[in-house]
C-alpha atoms as a PDB file:
ATOM      1  CA  GLN A   1      32.751  -9.189  65.302  1.00  0.00           C
ATOM      2  CA  VAL A   2      33.525  -7.300  62.443  1.00  0.00           C
ATOM      3  CA  GLN A   3      33.388  -3.676  61.943  1.00  0.00           C
ATOM      4  CA  LEU A   4      32.980  -2.119  58.515  1.00  0.00           C
ATOM      5  CA  VAL A   5      33.997   1.557  57.691  1.00  0.00           C
ATOM      6  CA  GLU A   6      32.598   3.159  54.663  1.00  0.00           C
ATOM      7  CA  SER A   7      34.400   6.360  52.987  1.00  0.00           C
ATOM      8  CA  GLY A   8      34.034   8.348  49.913  1.00  0.00           C
ATOM      9  CA  GLY A   9      30.567   9.332  49.814  1.00  0.00           C
ATOM     10  CA  GLY A  10      29.677  13.306  48.900  1.00  0.00           C
ATOM     11  CA  LEU A  11      27.797  15.733  46.516  1.00  0.00           C
ATOM     12  CA  VAL A  12      28.635  15.453  42.941  1.00  0.00           C
ATOM     13  CA  GLN A  13      26.908  16.604  39.566  1.00  0.00           C
ATOM     14  CA  ALA A  14      24.963  14.302  37.367  1.00  0.00           C
ATOM     15  CA  GLY A  15      27.433  12.706  35.146  1.00  0.00           C
ATOM     16  CA  GLY A  16      30.350  12.683  37.756  1.00  0.00           C
ATOM     17  CA  SER A  17      32.086  10.003  39.548  1.00  0.00           C
ATOM     18  CA  LEU A  18      32.524   8.828  43.225  1.00  0.00           C
ATOM     19  CA  ARG A  19      34.478   5.826  44.542  1.00  0.00           C
ATOM     20  CA  LEU A  20      33.399   4.370  47.844  1.00  0.00           C
ATOM     21  CA  SER A  21      35.554   2.265  49.994  1.00  0.00           C
ATOM     22  CA  CYS A  22      34.820   0.053  52.887  1.00  0.00           C
ATOM     23  CA  THR A  23      37.413  -1.460  54.972  1.00  0.00           C
ATOM     24  CA  ALA A  24      36.637  -4.665  57.527  1.00  0.00           C
ATOM     25  CA  SER A  25      38.472  -4.785  60.820  1.00  0.00           C
ATOM     26  CA  GLY A  26      38.138  -7.599  63.477  1.00  0.00           C
ATOM     27  CA  ASN A  27      37.267 -11.017  62.815  1.00  0.00           C
ATOM     28  CA  THR A  28      37.715 -10.862  58.935  1.00  0.00           C
ATOM     29  CA  PHE A  29      38.264 -14.372  58.594  1.00  0.00           C
ATOM     30  CA  SER A  30      34.439 -14.849  59.119  1.00  0.00           C
ATOM     31  CA  ILE A  31      33.566 -12.699  56.085  1.00  0.00           C
ATOM     32  CA  ASN A  32      32.306 -14.530  52.856  1.00  0.00           C
ATOM     33  CA  ALA A  33      30.892 -12.387  50.216  1.00  0.00           C
ATOM     34  CA  MET A  34      30.691  -8.609  50.587  1.00  0.00           C
ATOM     35  CA  GLY A  35      28.792  -5.882  48.722  1.00  0.00           C
ATOM     36  CA  TRP A  36      26.941  -2.546  48.615  1.00  0.00           C
ATOM     37  CA  TYR A  37      23.510  -1.666  49.188  1.00  0.00           C
ATOM     38  CA  ARG A  38      21.582   1.642  49.134  1.00  0.00           C
ATOM     39  CA  GLN A  39      18.682   3.211  50.637  1.00  0.00           C
ATOM     40  CA  ALA A  40      16.794   6.162  49.183  1.00  0.00           C
ATOM     41  CA  PRO A  41      14.351   8.505  51.307  1.00  0.00           C
ATOM     42  CA  GLY A  42      10.813   6.278  51.404  1.00  0.00           C
ATOM     43  CA  LYS A  43      12.275   3.537  49.676  1.00  0.00           C
ATOM     44  CA  GLN A  44      13.563  -0.149  50.541  1.00  0.00           C
ATOM     45  CA  ARG A  45      17.259  -0.821  50.883  1.00  0.00           C
ATOM     46  CA  GLU A  46      18.202  -2.598  47.653  1.00  0.00           C
ATOM     47  CA  LEU A  47      21.126  -4.666  46.741  1.00  0.00           C
ATOM     48  CA  VAL A  48      23.666  -2.402  44.313  1.00  0.00           C
ATOM     49  CA  ALA A  49      26.540  -4.705  43.788  1.00  0.00           C
ATOM     50  CA  GLY A  50      28.262  -7.696  45.317  1.00  0.00           C
ATOM     51  CA  ILE A  51      31.559  -9.607  44.810  1.00  0.00           C
ATOM     52  CA  GLY A  52      32.447 -13.086  46.219  1.00  0.00           C
ATOM     53  CA  THR A  53      35.842 -14.322  47.839  1.00  0.00           C
ATOM     54  CA  GLY A  54      36.679 -15.540  44.145  1.00  0.00           C
ATOM     55  CA  GLY A  55      35.984 -12.275  42.439  1.00  0.00           C
ATOM     56  CA  SER A  56      32.552 -13.153  40.981  1.00  0.00           C
ATOM     57  CA  THR A  57      30.247  -9.986  40.541  1.00  0.00           C
ATOM     58  CA  ASN A  58      26.654  -9.267  40.355  1.00  0.00           C
ATOM     59  CA  TYR A  59      24.832  -5.720  39.849  1.00  0.00           C
ATOM     60  CA  ALA A  60      21.452  -4.309  40.108  1.00  0.00           C
ATOM     61  CA  ASP A  61      20.060  -3.638  36.499  1.00  0.00           C
ATOM     62  CA  SER A  62      19.962  -0.144  37.258  1.00  0.00           C
ATOM     63  CA  VAL A  63      23.773   0.310  37.725  1.00  0.00           C
ATOM     64  CA  LYS A  64      25.080  -2.213  35.249  1.00  0.00           C
ATOM     65  CA  GLY A  65      27.694  -0.582  32.833  1.00  0.00           C
ATOM     66  CA  ARG A  66      28.236   2.347  35.237  1.00  0.00           C
ATOM     67  CA  PHE A  67      29.322   0.747  38.532  1.00  0.00           C
ATOM     68  CA  THR A  68      32.286  -1.596  39.068  1.00  0.00           C
ATOM     69  CA  ILE A  69      32.588  -3.262  42.535  1.00  0.00           C
ATOM     70  CA  SER A  70      36.097  -4.921  43.386  1.00  0.00           C
ATOM     71  CA  ARG A  71      37.826  -6.063  46.467  1.00  0.00           C
ATOM     72  CA  ASP A  72      41.177  -6.157  47.907  1.00  0.00           C
ATOM     73  CA  ASN A  73      41.363  -9.242  50.134  1.00  0.00           C
ATOM     74  CA  ALA A  74      44.873  -8.308  51.537  1.00  0.00           C
ATOM     75  CA  LYS A  75      43.420  -5.012  52.609  1.00  0.00           C
ATOM     76  CA  ASN A  76      39.932  -6.534  53.697  1.00  0.00           C
ATOM     77  CA  THR A  77      38.599  -3.683  51.588  1.00  0.00           C
ATOM     78  CA  VAL A  78      35.848  -3.408  49.242  1.00  0.00           C
ATOM     79  CA  TYR A  79      35.422  -0.614  46.582  1.00  0.00           C
ATOM     80  CA  LEU A  80      32.501   0.573  44.671  1.00  0.00           C
ATOM     81  CA  GLN A  81      33.464   2.849  41.595  1.00  0.00           C
ATOM     82  CA  MET A  82      30.573   4.939  40.293  1.00  0.00           C
ATOM     83  CA  ASN A  83      30.569   6.586  37.030  1.00  0.00           C
ATOM     84  CA  SER A  84      28.227   8.525  35.225  1.00  0.00           C
ATOM     85  CA  LEU A  85      25.880   9.052  38.291  1.00  0.00           C
ATOM     86  CA  LYS A  86      22.185  10.346  37.941  1.00  0.00           C
ATOM     87  CA  PRO A  87      20.026  11.934  40.541  1.00  0.00           C
ATOM     88  CA  GLU A  88      18.423   8.853  41.227  1.00  0.00           C
ATOM     89  CA  ASP A  89      21.570   7.076  42.426  1.00  0.00           C
ATOM     90  CA  THR A  90      20.981   9.610  45.571  1.00  0.00           C
ATOM     91  CA  ALA A  91      20.973   7.453  48.541  1.00  0.00           C
ATOM     92  CA  VAL A  92      22.867   6.371  51.845  1.00  0.00           C
ATOM     93  CA  TYR A  93      25.043   3.521  50.427  1.00  0.00           C
ATOM     94  CA  TYR A  94      26.075   0.805  53.005  1.00  0.00           C
ATOM     95  CA  CYS A  95      28.815  -1.826  53.127  1.00  0.00           C
ATOM     96  CA  ASN A  96      27.612  -5.298  53.704  1.00  0.00           C
ATOM     97  CA  ALA A  97      29.587  -8.371  54.581  1.00  0.00           C
ATOM     98  CA  GLU A  98      28.058 -11.792  54.754  1.00  0.00           C
ATOM     99  CA  HIS A  99      29.286 -14.298  57.400  1.00  0.00           C
ATOM    100  CA  TYR A 100      30.602 -17.585  56.236  1.00  0.00           C
ATOM    101  CA  ASP A 101      27.980 -19.543  58.519  1.00  0.00           C
ATOM    102  CA  PRO A 102      24.522 -18.668  56.763  1.00  0.00           C
ATOM    103  CA  GLY A 103      23.103 -18.928  60.421  1.00  0.00           C
ATOM    104  CA  GLU A 104      24.822 -15.944  61.674  1.00  0.00           C
ATOM    105  CA  PRO A 105      23.546 -12.326  60.564  1.00  0.00           C
ATOM    106  CA  ASP A 106      25.453 -10.131  58.075  1.00  0.00           C
ATOM    107  CA  TYR A 107      27.784  -7.227  59.043  1.00  0.00           C
ATOM    108  CA  TRP A 108      26.775  -3.716  58.331  1.00  0.00           C
ATOM    109  CA  GLY A 109      28.512  -0.275  57.935  1.00  0.00           C
ATOM    110  CA  ARG A 110      26.891   2.839  59.414  1.00  0.00           C
ATOM    111  CA  GLY A 111      26.560   4.162  55.823  1.00  0.00           C
ATOM    112  CA  THR A 112      27.714   6.894  53.420  1.00  0.00           C
ATOM    113  CA  GLN A 113      25.553   9.599  51.811  1.00  0.00           C
ATOM    114  CA  VAL A 114      25.918   9.873  48.135  1.00  0.00           C
ATOM    115  CA  THR A 115      24.059  12.791  46.649  1.00  0.00           C
ATOM    116  CA  VAL A 116      23.956  13.425  42.771  1.00  0.00           C
ATOM    117  CA  SER A 117      22.574  16.690  41.732  1.00  0.00           C
ATOM    118  CA  SER A 118      20.918  17.321  38.311  1.00  0.00           C
END
């Protein structure tokens, strides 16, 4: 099993920045790609950004140019640097880790709240 613990959420004014961190523990050798998802009240959970083991990245169109995902494999940690935050970025942000075996379920963190005030 893998445990994911997020940190770094909080309240920030529009235009500000936050950095989220997610550290994995346990059977980390089972982890493939990692990423961040978010879920706003009344909306479905959506992918924000993902990063592969080799460093390849992908982003939701809504955050391109503002958010940067990075990964430190030695520390089993993935980061999400969020700049130029907007009120519509307000959501609970969840860390995700894919299992190498596609037949196994993904791992999820408990989430961290990000609130952007206008």
